[in-house]
Protein backbone atom coordinates (compact mmCIF):
# COMPACT_ATOMS: atom_id res chain seq x y z
CA PRO A 1 114.90 146.65 149.17
CA ILE A 2 113.10 148.98 147.20
CA PHE A 3 112.60 152.59 147.73
CA VAL A 4 109.86 154.16 145.76
CA PHE A 5 109.60 157.88 145.57
CA SER A 6 108.05 160.83 143.96
CA ILE A 7 109.52 164.29 143.17
CA ASN A 8 107.84 167.26 142.15
CA ASN A 9 109.53 169.17 139.95
CA THR A 10 108.30 173.06 139.59
CA SER A 11 111.29 174.57 138.52
CA SER A 12 112.01 174.91 134.78
CA ASN A 13 114.78 173.38 134.66
CA GLU A 14 114.86 169.55 133.48
CA ASP A 15 118.13 168.57 133.43
CA TRP A 16 118.92 166.89 136.92
CA VAL A 17 121.27 164.96 138.88
CA LEU A 18 120.34 162.11 141.67
CA SER A 19 123.02 161.30 143.40
CA LEU A 20 123.27 158.73 146.06
CA GLY A 21 125.62 159.91 148.26
CA SER A 22 129.50 160.02 148.00
CA HIS A 23 131.75 158.14 151.60
CA MET A 24 131.93 161.61 152.64
CA GLU A 25 128.17 162.03 152.50
CA GLY A 26 127.30 159.25 154.39
CA ARG A 27 127.54 156.17 152.09
CA PHE A 28 129.10 153.25 152.37
CA GLY A 29 129.26 149.89 150.28
CA THR A 30 129.40 148.90 147.16
CA LEU A 31 126.24 146.65 145.05
CA ARG A 32 126.04 143.70 143.48
CA GLN A 33 122.37 144.78 141.79
CA VAL A 34 120.93 147.69 141.27
CA MET A 35 117.72 149.21 138.99
CA LEU A 36 116.06 152.84 138.83
CA ASN A 37 112.94 153.64 136.76
CA ASP A 38 111.15 156.31 136.24
CA HIS A 39 107.71 155.04 135.95
CA ILE A 40 105.94 158.03 134.86
CA ASN A 41 107.85 158.41 131.87
CA ASN A 42 108.88 155.18 131.27
CA ILE A 43 112.63 155.37 131.65
CA LYS A 44 115.12 153.25 133.33
CA TYR A 45 118.20 154.96 134.06
CA LEU A 46 120.56 152.21 135.74
CA ASP A 47 119.59 148.52 135.37
CA ASN A 48 122.19 146.01 135.93
CA ILE A 49 120.16 143.29 136.63
CA THR A 50 117.59 143.19 133.55
CA PRO A 51 120.10 140.63 130.51
CA PRO A 52 121.06 143.07 127.40
CA LYS A 53 118.09 142.92 124.40
CA SER A 54 120.74 142.11 122.08
CA ASN A 55 124.19 140.57 121.73
CA ASP A 56 125.47 143.76 120.29
CA ALA A 57 124.59 145.60 123.76
CA GLN A 58 127.85 145.79 125.70
CA PRO A 59 126.78 145.30 129.61
CA ILE A 60 127.60 147.51 132.24
CA ARG A 61 130.34 147.52 133.10
CA ALA A 62 131.08 150.12 136.40
CA LEU A 63 128.43 152.91 137.98
CA THR A 64 128.93 155.71 139.59
CA PRO A 65 126.64 156.85 142.11
CA ASP A 66 125.78 159.75 140.29
CA VAL A 67 122.78 159.20 137.91
CA ASN A 68 121.99 162.03 135.04
CA ILE A 69 118.21 162.33 134.97
CA LYS A 70 115.34 164.28 133.51
CA LEU A 71 112.54 165.68 135.87
CA PRO A 72 109.86 167.32 133.22
CA ALA A 73 109.18 170.87 134.42
CA ALA A 74 105.86 171.23 136.23
CA LYS A 75 105.32 167.83 136.64
CA LYS A 76 105.51 165.04 139.44
CA THR A 77 107.79 161.95 138.58
CA VAL A 78 107.79 158.90 140.60
CA PHE A 79 110.88 156.77 140.98
CA MET A 80 111.36 152.93 141.28
CA LEU A 81 115.25 152.25 143.05
CA TYR A 82 116.27 148.82 143.97
CA ILE A 83 119.27 147.88 145.05
CA VAL A 84 120.98 144.64 146.73
CA PRO A 85 124.09 145.15 148.54
CA GLN A 86 127.33 143.07 148.02
CA LEU A 87 127.72 139.92 150.03
CA GLY A 88 128.72 140.38 153.63
CA GLU A 89 129.39 144.21 152.90
CA PRO A 90 126.89 146.15 155.15
CA VAL A 91 125.31 149.60 152.55
CA THR A 92 124.01 152.93 153.45
CA ILE A 93 123.07 155.62 151.13
CA ALA A 94 122.80 159.11 151.18
CA PRO A 95 120.08 160.77 148.34
CA ARG A 96 120.77 163.95 147.23
CA LEU A 97 119.13 166.13 144.11
CA MET A 98 120.64 168.51 142.52
CA THR A 99 120.76 170.65 139.07
CA LYS A 100 123.42 169.44 136.44
CA LYS A 101 124.78 172.75 136.09
CA PHE A 102 125.58 172.90 140.02
CA TYR A 103 126.61 169.13 139.73
CA ASP A 104 129.43 170.29 137.00
CA THR A 105 130.78 172.81 138.29
CA LYS A 106 130.72 171.28 141.64
CA LYS A 107 132.99 168.45 139.70
CA THR A 108 135.25 171.21 138.45
CA GLN A 109 136.05 172.76 141.52
CA ASN A 110 139.91 172.85 142.44
CA TYR A 111 139.25 171.46 145.44
CA ASN A 112 135.73 169.26 147.49
CA LYS A 113 136.09 167.41 150.45
CA GLU A 114 136.57 164.11 148.89
CA ASP A 115 139.97 165.54 147.26
CA LEU A 116 141.26 166.74 149.88
CA MET A 117 140.36 163.64 152.30
CA GLY A 118 141.97 161.62 149.34
CA PHE A 119 145.21 164.37 149.32
CA PHE A 120 145.39 163.98 153.46
CA LEU A 121 145.43 159.82 153.11
CA ILE A 122 148.09 160.42 150.48
CA ALA A 123 150.19 162.90 152.03
CA MET A 124 150.66 161.01 155.18
CA ALA A 125 151.53 158.07 153.59
CA GLY A 126 154.08 160.23 151.97
CA LEU A 127 154.87 161.41 155.41
CA PHE A 128 155.81 158.09 156.83
CA VAL A 129 157.31 156.59 154.00
CA GLY A 130 159.79 159.87 154.44
CA ALA A 131 160.31 159.42 157.85
CA TYR A 132 161.28 155.56 157.02
CA ALA A 133 164.52 157.15 154.59
CA PHE A 134 165.91 159.44 157.73
CA GLN A 135 164.78 156.99 160.64
CA ARG A 136 165.01 153.77 159.20
CA TYR A 137 162.12 153.57 161.76
CA LEU A 138 160.04 150.25 160.46
CA PRO A 139 157.09 150.90 161.99
CA CYS A 140 157.02 153.97 159.28
CA LEU A 141 156.45 151.76 156.50
CA TYR A 142 153.45 150.40 158.67
CA LEU A 143 151.81 153.48 159.30
CA SER A 144 152.92 154.31 155.56
CA LEU A 145 151.17 150.72 154.24
CA TYR A 146 147.80 151.82 156.43
CA TYR A 147 147.66 155.32 155.09
CA LEU A 148 147.68 153.93 151.36
CA LEU A 149 145.02 150.62 151.94
CA GLN A 150 142.99 153.65 153.30
CA ALA A 151 143.56 156.07 150.33
CA ALA A 152 142.66 153.13 147.95
CA TYR A 153 139.39 152.21 149.61
CA PHE A 154 138.34 155.67 150.16
CA TYR A 155 138.65 156.55 146.24
CA TYR A 156 137.42 152.66 145.21
CA ASP A 157 134.00 153.34 147.89
CA ASN A 158 133.63 156.57 147.01
CA ASN A 159 133.54 156.51 143.14
CA LEU A 160 132.09 153.08 142.62
CA LEU A 161 128.14 152.05 143.15
CA TYR A 162 128.90 148.60 141.12
CA LEU A 163 131.65 147.02 139.57
CA ASP A 164 132.11 144.17 137.36
CA PHE A 165 134.84 141.76 138.21
CA PRO A 166 134.86 138.46 139.76
CA LEU A 167 135.94 139.40 142.97
CA SER A 168 134.81 142.59 143.14
CA ALA A 169 132.67 141.46 146.61
CA ALA A 170 136.03 140.63 148.02
CA ILE A 171 138.39 143.85 147.32
CA ALA A 172 136.90 146.27 149.94
CA GLN A 173 136.81 143.95 152.55
CA TRP A 174 140.94 142.30 151.71
CA MET A 175 141.61 147.08 151.36
CA LEU A 176 140.69 146.89 154.85
CA ALA A 177 141.75 143.40 156.09
CA LEU A 178 144.80 144.21 154.94
CA ALA A 179 145.09 147.97 156.51
CA GLY A 180 143.63 146.69 160.28
CA THR A 181 146.90 143.98 159.60
CA ALA A 182 149.21 146.80 158.97
CA GLY A 183 147.51 149.08 162.17
CA LEU A 184 148.14 145.72 164.43
CA PHE A 185 152.09 145.23 162.84
CA THR A 186 152.00 149.22 163.99
CA THR A 187 150.39 149.10 167.58
CA LYS A 188 152.85 145.72 168.46
CA ALA A 189 156.38 147.91 167.24
CA PHE A 190 155.57 151.15 168.22
CA LEU A 191 154.76 148.93 172.12
CA ASN A 192 157.69 146.85 171.07
CA ALA A 193 154.42 143.93 172.16
CA ASP A 194 154.63 140.30 171.68
CA PHE A 195 151.70 138.88 169.96
CA SER A 196 151.75 136.11 172.79
CA ASP A 197 152.72 137.65 175.68
CA LYS A 198 149.62 137.08 178.44
CA ALA A 199 148.27 139.51 180.03
């Protein structure tokens, strides 16, 4: 899909950050292709589609959801955002515009909601590893693996918009599939159920 939007900068600040959102803000999924252009000032901020113009130019290996942009003071700027999701992966974006100063302050905070969520998932994994060490109860390891995979997926999806890797389209699917499998084994063990049982 293509999104065309205008931003009217009524402030004197020209340094801004356009964020396509974090996982906690509603953004989900990674992209196969992305392009962000400023049509008024003819500036290309993101582009992993157009081949490099010279052999010395380095291809884009990875992109984060946050982009530094320039907005001329007291002027309107028109942007074009073109995105193509990874095959087999739903994508949502949650665009947000903020000043560069606010963005830098936010990033240097000791804790934000993304860090707290990641810490919670890793702490839960550690908790169940500790429970297994004391109780030797196998489902605790399944739960630990479940939370570790959820943490890995959270950090991957939260921090990456695009990754130039041959199997990048399958990374998220595999992490979620393995987490689901760990969840099934946990349920089976806790309920002492057999997948071959008939209702």
